[in-house]
Amino acid sequence: MVMSADPRKGRRIVKGRTRDLQQVPSENMVTLDHAFQIFYSSKKAEGMRERTLEEYVNGWRYFREWLNQYDPEIRFIQQIGAEHLRSYVDYMANKRKYSEVPCRMQTEETLSPYTVAFRLRILRTMFNFLHRENIIGDNPISNIKQPRFDHKEKDTLTEEQLERLLAAPDTSTYAGFRDRTLMMLLADGGFRIHEALRLKAENIDPKTRCVHLPGWMNKNRKPRMVPVSVHVLREVLRLIDENQRYFNSDYIFLSNYGEPLKADHFRKRLKLYAKAAGIPSELVSPHRFRSFFCRQFLMNGGDLFTLQRIVAHASIETTRRYVPMNDEMIRQQHEHFSPISRMGWSRINKRRL
């Protein structure tokens, strides 16, 4: 049965019933974790990236922790019904942020709609797979719709904020110089952080001022070329030269010990730079540099389809979200392209006379 908390008394209440298993032959019963292992092994054999596989593991762990608490009698994957999944969505929508992280203080803020939708999408992928493989008969997630939420325009760094952020690292130290170079590269080429951290000296072509990313480095597995400005290229080449003097590694972005720099370590350092620069910490993350690049590229007159190729968006709709459409921009665009304004008031008056 499915149980949840009664908001009035804090007690658990029954909201659904466990599926009747009498119609399922005992030899076809598959335990919850065995079902996930079948799914995981299949996705790994398909060549899914380690990061995606890790997301599957975490998504399943969150669901299992909830299931163990609210319906501990569930043992087999065939017992999961649509009522469980709907209750889980309802639970996530009202769940306090960081409540599952022991080292962080729980806040009054709930999980974001994006997080809820993402975790449900992981379960959808799994149950669809189990249904196709005939491991489960009825697919409990087939009638569960993705939760709807309002799309909010995210704030991006301004040019002035980026200048302050780039001035924050102490470039007299190796780590400070490396961090500023990485920030410049992210803001100039729209790289994903994992793409940038995988770069080696061989990926840089100084003659064409381009960074060449082979398919295995990209999210969509397609090779791509990213141009960079001469100023950024110069700093990258300086960093490569410094690495070769001190470390025995082909990677461009290294720790003080010569090991490949970790994304989480860079994120923590960004928060320190944001504080030093007086910039809200929520505006500073590796992905914010990518957003800054996309927004500025379009604001400066860049072509939408060119931008899609540079940042390797699978859909043009994803790229279109970065089109700057605040009120002031709309007013300026209308003033510049208004057909009546372009015709000229004097021309209209002459026709009238």
Protein backbone atom coordinates (compact mmCIF):
# COMPACT_ATOMS: atom_id res chain seq x y z
CA MET A 1 0.00 0.00 0.00
CA VAL A 2 1.05 3.60 -0.54
CA MET A 3 1.35 5.78 2.56
CA SER A 4 2.03 9.46 3.02
CA ALA A 5 2.08 11.99 5.83
CA ASP A 6 -1.13 13.61 7.02
CA PRO A 7 -0.24 17.33 7.07
CA ARG A 8 -2.68 17.93 9.96
CA LYS A 9 -1.36 15.36 12.44
CA GLY A 10 1.95 14.27 10.98
CA ARG A 11 0.78 10.66 10.86
CA ARG A 12 1.15 8.34 7.91
CA ILE A 13 -2.05 7.62 6.00
CA VAL A 14 -2.96 5.06 3.36
CA LYS A 15 -3.42 6.53 -0.14
CA GLY A 16 -3.39 3.46 -2.37
CA ARG A 17 -3.14 -0.30 -2.44
CA THR A 18 -0.30 -2.60 -3.34
CA ARG A 19 -0.83 -4.41 -6.62
CA ASP A 20 -2.38 -7.85 -6.51
CA LEU A 21 0.35 -10.36 -7.40
CA GLN A 22 -1.82 -13.44 -7.68
CA GLN A 23 -1.90 -13.07 -11.48
CA VAL A 24 1.90 -12.91 -11.73
CA PRO A 25 3.68 -16.31 -11.82
CA SER A 26 6.18 -16.55 -8.97
CA GLU A 27 9.03 -17.40 -11.34
CA ASN A 28 8.51 -14.06 -13.10
CA MET A 29 8.76 -11.96 -9.95
CA VAL A 30 11.75 -9.60 -9.97
CA THR A 31 12.96 -7.78 -6.88
CA LEU A 32 13.21 -4.00 -6.98
CA ASP A 33 16.99 -3.77 -6.96
CA HIS A 34 17.40 -6.65 -9.40
CA ALA A 35 15.10 -4.86 -11.83
CA PHE A 36 17.19 -1.72 -11.55
CA GLN A 37 20.39 -3.72 -12.04
CA ILE A 38 18.99 -5.19 -15.27
CA PHE A 39 18.15 -1.68 -16.47
CA TYR A 40 21.53 -0.27 -15.41
CA SER A 41 23.54 -3.07 -17.05
CA SER A 42 21.63 -2.61 -20.30
CA LYS A 43 22.27 1.14 -20.37
CA LYS A 44 25.93 0.60 -19.58
CA ALA A 45 26.18 -1.91 -22.45
CA GLU A 46 24.63 0.74 -24.75
CA GLY A 47 27.59 2.99 -23.99
CA MET A 48 25.85 5.55 -21.80
CA ARG A 49 28.21 8.08 -20.26
CA GLU A 50 29.35 7.59 -16.67
CA ARG A 51 27.63 10.81 -15.65
CA THR A 52 24.29 9.58 -17.04
CA LEU A 53 24.70 6.22 -15.31
CA GLU A 54 25.42 8.01 -12.06
CA GLU A 55 22.23 10.03 -12.48
CA TYR A 56 20.29 6.77 -12.90
CA VAL A 57 21.80 5.42 -9.69
CA ASN A 58 20.97 8.55 -7.72
CA GLY A 59 17.46 8.78 -9.14
CA TRP A 60 16.72 5.19 -8.21
CA ARG A 61 18.21 5.67 -4.72
CA TYR A 62 15.93 8.63 -4.02
CA PHE A 63 12.88 6.61 -5.08
CA ARG A 64 13.90 3.57 -3.02
CA GLU A 65 14.46 5.67 0.10
CA TRP A 66 10.97 7.11 -0.27
CA LEU A 67 9.45 3.69 -0.95
CA ASN A 68 11.14 2.11 2.07
CA GLN A 69 9.63 4.76 4.29
CA TYR A 70 6.12 4.97 2.90
CA ASP A 71 5.43 1.43 1.73
CA PRO A 72 8.03 -0.95 3.17
CA GLU A 73 6.00 -4.02 2.13
CA ILE A 74 6.94 -3.52 -1.51
CA ARG A 75 9.58 -6.07 -2.57
CA PHE A 76 9.01 -6.71 -6.26
CA ILE A 77 8.97 -4.37 -9.24
CA GLN A 78 5.61 -5.83 -10.32
CA GLN A 79 4.06 -4.34 -7.18
CA ILE A 80 4.73 -0.77 -8.27
CA GLY A 81 1.59 0.91 -9.56
CA ALA A 82 0.67 4.32 -10.93
CA GLU A 83 -0.57 5.32 -7.47
CA HIS A 84 2.95 4.90 -6.09
CA LEU A 85 4.45 7.12 -8.73
CA ARG A 86 1.82 9.83 -8.31
CA SER A 87 2.39 9.80 -4.55
CA TYR A 88 6.12 10.06 -5.14
CA VAL A 89 5.66 13.09 -7.39
CA ASP A 90 3.45 14.68 -4.74
CA TYR A 91 6.08 13.93 -2.10
CA MET A 92 8.87 15.50 -4.17
CA ALA A 93 6.81 18.60 -4.91
CA ASN A 94 6.48 19.27 -1.17
CA LYS A 95 9.88 18.04 -0.06
CA ARG A 96 12.26 20.40 1.70
CA LYS A 97 15.52 21.10 -0.04
CA TYR A 98 18.63 19.37 1.38
CA SER A 99 16.55 17.23 3.75
CA GLU A 100 18.32 14.16 2.33
CA VAL A 101 21.83 15.62 2.73
CA PRO A 102 23.14 15.00 6.28
CA CYS A 103 25.88 17.66 6.13
CA ARG A 104 23.59 20.49 4.98
CA MET A 105 20.91 22.33 6.90
CA GLN A 106 17.38 21.80 5.64
CA THR A 107 15.76 24.94 4.22
CA GLU A 108 12.18 26.05 3.79
CA GLU A 109 12.70 25.94 0.03
CA THR A 110 11.20 22.94 -1.74
CA LEU A 111 12.73 20.96 -4.58
CA SER A 112 12.64 22.88 -7.83
CA PRO A 113 10.12 21.79 -10.50
CA TYR A 114 13.11 20.99 -12.73
CA THR A 115 14.44 18.53 -10.13
CA VAL A 116 11.04 16.86 -9.75
CA ALA A 117 10.65 16.53 -13.52
CA PHE A 118 14.20 15.20 -13.89
CA ARG A 119 13.79 12.49 -11.24
CA LEU A 120 10.48 11.41 -12.74
CA ARG A 121 12.08 11.27 -16.19
CA ILE A 122 14.68 8.80 -14.86
CA LEU A 123 11.91 6.53 -13.56
CA ARG A 124 10.07 6.87 -16.86
CA THR A 125 13.15 5.71 -18.77
CA MET A 126 13.51 2.72 -16.46
CA PHE A 127 9.88 1.58 -16.44
CA ASN A 128 9.57 2.00 -20.20
CA PHE A 129 12.62 -0.23 -20.58
CA LEU A 130 11.26 -2.86 -18.19
CA HIS A 131 7.96 -2.88 -20.08
CA ARG A 132 9.66 -3.30 -23.46
CA GLU A 133 11.70 -6.17 -22.05
CA ASN A 134 8.50 -7.85 -20.74
CA ILE A 135 9.85 -7.76 -17.19
CA ILE A 136 6.66 -5.99 -16.13
CA GLY A 137 3.26 -6.43 -17.71
CA ASP A 138 1.41 -3.15 -17.24
CA ASN A 139 3.57 -0.05 -17.38
CA PRO A 140 2.70 1.99 -14.26
CA ILE A 141 4.21 5.18 -15.63
CA SER A 142 2.44 5.18 -19.00
CA ASN A 143 -0.34 7.49 -17.78
CA ILE A 144 1.84 9.65 -15.53
CA LYS A 145 2.39 13.03 -17.14
CA GLN A 146 5.44 15.17 -16.56
CA PRO A 147 4.62 17.92 -14.05
CA ARG A 148 4.00 21.33 -15.55
CA PHE A 149 5.80 24.39 -14.32
CA ASP A 150 6.31 27.98 -15.34
CA HIS A 151 9.48 28.73 -17.28
CA LYS A 152 11.33 31.59 -15.63
CA GLU A 153 13.92 33.65 -17.40
CA LYS A 154 17.19 33.10 -15.58
CA ASP A 155 19.35 36.05 -14.71
CA THR A 156 22.75 35.97 -16.37
CA LEU A 157 25.99 37.70 -15.60
CA THR A 158 26.38 41.20 -16.96
CA GLU A 159 29.58 42.30 -18.66
CA GLU A 160 30.41 44.44 -15.64
CA GLN A 161 29.92 41.50 -13.27
CA LEU A 162 32.08 39.28 -15.46
CA GLU A 163 34.85 41.88 -15.38
CA ARG A 164 34.71 41.95 -11.58
CA LEU A 165 34.71 38.17 -11.43
CA LEU A 166 37.74 37.89 -13.73
CA ALA A 167 39.58 40.39 -11.53
CA ALA A 168 38.98 38.36 -8.37
CA PRO A 169 41.59 35.54 -8.76
CA ASP A 170 45.15 36.21 -7.67
CA THR A 171 46.94 35.54 -10.94
CA SER A 172 50.33 35.62 -9.25
CA THR A 173 49.48 32.09 -8.10
CA TYR A 174 49.14 29.09 -10.41
CA ALA A 175 45.59 28.31 -9.19
CA GLY A 176 44.45 31.90 -9.66
CA PHE A 177 45.86 32.14 -13.16
CA ARG A 178 44.35 28.76 -14.07
CA ASP A 179 40.92 29.73 -12.72
CA ARG A 180 40.84 33.04 -14.58
CA THR A 181 41.88 31.31 -17.82
CA LEU A 182 39.15 28.72 -17.37
CA MET A 183 36.54 31.40 -16.70
CA MET A 184 37.61 33.28 -19.83
CA LEU A 185 37.42 30.12 -21.94
CA LEU A 186 33.95 29.23 -20.66
CA ALA A 187 32.65 32.76 -21.28
CA ASP A 188 34.27 33.01 -24.73
CA GLY A 189 33.29 29.64 -26.17
CA GLY A 190 30.22 28.47 -24.26
CA PHE A 191 31.85 25.17 -23.25
CA ARG A 192 30.23 22.82 -20.80
CA ILE A 193 32.46 22.48 -17.75
CA HIS A 194 33.16 18.78 -18.35
CA GLU A 195 34.15 19.54 -21.93
CA ALA A 196 36.59 22.23 -20.84
CA LEU A 197 38.15 20.08 -18.12
CA ARG A 198 38.80 17.25 -20.62
CA LEU A 199 40.74 19.51 -22.97
CA LYS A 200 44.33 18.65 -23.77
CA ALA A 201 46.99 20.67 -25.58
CA GLU A 202 46.36 18.63 -28.73
CA ASN A 203 42.79 19.98 -28.91
CA ILE A 204 44.02 23.55 -29.41
CA ASP A 205 44.79 24.78 -32.93
CA PRO A 206 46.63 28.13 -32.62
CA LYS A 207 46.64 28.74 -36.40
CA THR A 208 42.88 28.74 -36.76
CA ARG A 209 42.21 29.90 -33.18
CA CYS A 210 39.88 26.96 -32.70
CA VAL A 211 39.32 24.26 -30.12
CA HIS A 212 38.56 20.86 -31.65
CA LEU A 213 36.40 18.54 -29.58
CA PRO A 214 36.15 14.91 -30.75
CA GLY A 215 32.81 13.15 -30.51
CA TRP A 216 33.53 11.32 -27.26
CA MET A 217 33.98 14.65 -25.46
CA ASN A 218 30.60 16.06 -26.50
CA LYS A 219 27.20 15.41 -24.99
CA ASN A 220 25.71 14.60 -28.41
CA ARG A 221 28.77 12.49 -29.37
CA LYS A 222 29.37 14.57 -32.50
CA PRO A 223 32.73 16.27 -33.14
CA ARG A 224 32.66 20.05 -33.16
CA MET A 225 34.89 23.07 -33.56
CA VAL A 226 34.70 26.08 -31.25
CA PRO A 227 36.42 29.37 -32.21
CA VAL A 228 38.01 31.42 -29.43
CA SER A 229 39.27 34.99 -29.33
CA VAL A 230 42.95 35.80 -29.65
CA HIS A 231 43.07 37.04 -26.05
CA VAL A 232 41.69 33.79 -24.65
CA LEU A 233 43.92 31.71 -26.90
CA ARG A 234 46.97 33.57 -25.63
CA GLU A 235 46.08 32.84 -22.00
CA VAL A 236 45.39 29.17 -22.74
CA LEU A 237 48.76 28.79 -24.47
CA ARG A 238 50.47 30.46 -21.52
CA LEU A 239 48.80 27.98 -19.18
CA ILE A 240 49.86 25.05 -21.37
CA ASP A 241 53.44 26.31 -21.31
CA GLU A 242 53.37 26.64 -17.52
CA ASN A 243 51.93 23.14 -17.15
CA GLN A 244 54.72 21.65 -19.23
CA ARG A 245 57.33 23.25 -16.97
CA TYR A 246 55.91 21.84 -13.76
CA PHE A 247 53.73 18.82 -14.54
CA ASN A 248 53.81 15.67 -16.63
CA SER A 249 50.26 15.90 -17.98
CA ASP A 250 48.63 16.75 -21.31
CA TYR A 251 45.49 18.15 -19.67
CA ILE A 252 45.20 21.94 -19.71
CA PHE A 253 43.40 22.54 -16.44
CA LEU A 254 45.22 20.91 -13.53
CA SER A 255 45.23 21.06 -9.75
CA ASN A 256 48.24 22.32 -7.83
CA TYR A 257 49.41 18.71 -7.70
CA GLY A 258 49.26 18.19 -11.45
CA GLU A 259 46.08 16.11 -11.48
CA PRO A 260 43.08 16.94 -13.73
CA LEU A 261 40.99 19.66 -12.11
CA LYS A 262 37.64 18.49 -10.72
CA ALA A 263 34.43 20.35 -11.55
CA ASP A 264 33.26 20.45 -7.93
CA HIS A 265 36.56 21.97 -6.81
CA PHE A 266 36.24 24.69 -9.44
CA ARG A 267 32.63 25.37 -8.37
CA LYS A 268 33.75 25.94 -4.79
CA ARG A 269 36.44 28.37 -5.90
CA LEU A 270 33.90 30.25 -8.03
CA LYS A 271 31.79 30.88 -4.92
CA LEU A 272 34.82 32.44 -3.21
CA TYR A 273 35.46 34.67 -6.23
CA ALA A 274 31.80 35.68 -6.34
CA LYS A 275 31.93 36.72 -2.69
CA ALA A 276 35.13 38.70 -3.26
CA ALA A 277 33.59 40.42 -6.30
CA GLY A 278 30.34 41.23 -4.50
CA ILE A 279 28.23 39.13 -6.89
CA PRO A 280 25.29 36.97 -5.68
CA SER A 281 26.54 33.40 -5.46
CA GLU A 282 23.50 32.05 -7.34
CA LEU A 283 24.66 33.98 -10.41
CA VAL A 284 28.04 32.26 -10.48
CA SER A 285 28.49 28.67 -11.64
CA PRO A 286 30.24 26.99 -14.58
CA HIS A 287 26.99 26.84 -16.54
CA ARG A 288 26.36 30.55 -16.01
CA PHE A 289 29.38 31.29 -18.21
CA ARG A 290 27.78 29.21 -20.96
CA SER A 291 24.55 31.17 -20.53
CA PHE A 292 26.51 34.43 -20.62
CA PHE A 293 28.16 33.42 -23.89
CA CYS A 294 24.88 32.43 -25.54
CA ARG A 295 23.07 35.59 -24.46
CA GLN A 296 25.90 37.95 -25.40
CA PHE A 297 26.48 36.20 -28.75
CA LEU A 298 22.88 36.86 -29.73
CA MET A 299 22.74 40.38 -28.28
CA ASN A 300 25.82 41.30 -30.29
CA GLY A 301 24.15 40.22 -33.53
CA GLY A 302 25.22 36.56 -33.72
CA ASP A 303 23.15 34.12 -35.77
CA LEU A 304 20.90 31.67 -33.91
CA PHE A 305 21.88 28.67 -36.04
CA THR A 306 25.60 29.45 -35.75
CA LEU A 307 25.23 29.59 -31.98
CA GLN A 308 23.48 26.21 -32.02
CA ARG A 309 26.47 24.70 -33.83
CA ILE A 310 29.01 26.28 -31.50
CA VAL A 311 27.40 25.15 -28.24
CA ALA A 312 26.06 21.84 -29.68
CA HIS A 313 22.42 22.18 -28.69
CA ALA A 314 20.42 19.18 -29.91
CA SER A 315 17.40 21.38 -30.66
CA ILE A 316 17.17 24.92 -31.96
CA GLU A 317 14.44 25.47 -29.36
CA THR A 318 17.05 25.12 -26.62
CA THR A 319 19.16 27.80 -28.29
CA ARG A 320 16.13 30.01 -28.80
CA ARG A 321 15.66 30.29 -25.02
CA TYR A 322 18.72 32.51 -24.89
CA VAL A 323 17.22 35.10 -27.22
CA PRO A 324 17.16 38.26 -25.07
CA MET A 325 13.53 39.32 -24.78
CA ASN A 326 13.32 41.68 -21.83
CA ASP A 327 11.04 44.71 -22.08
CA GLU A 328 13.79 47.18 -22.95
CA MET A 329 15.20 44.93 -25.69
CA ILE A 330 11.74 44.49 -27.23
CA ARG A 331 11.20 48.26 -27.18
CA GLN A 332 14.57 48.91 -28.85
CA GLN A 333 13.98 46.27 -31.50
CA HIS A 334 10.55 47.67 -32.30
CA GLU A 335 11.93 51.19 -32.56
CA HIS A 336 14.62 50.02 -34.96
CA PHE A 337 12.51 47.72 -37.15
CA SER A 338 9.03 49.26 -36.98
CA PRO A 339 7.73 49.40 -40.60
CA ILE A 340 6.05 52.77 -40.04
CA SER A 341 9.22 54.26 -38.53
CA ARG A 342 11.35 52.93 -41.39
CA MET A 343 8.96 54.36 -43.98
CA GLY A 344 9.33 57.79 -42.42
CA TRP A 345 6.63 60.17 -41.26
CA SER A 346 7.44 62.68 -44.02
CA ARG A 347 6.77 60.06 -46.71
CA ILE A 348 3.41 59.21 -45.17
CA ASN A 349 2.41 62.88 -44.96
CA LYS A 350 3.37 63.49 -48.61
CA ARG A 351 1.11 60.64 -49.71
CA ARG A 352 -1.74 62.08 -47.66
CA LEU A 353 -1.36 65.50 -49.21
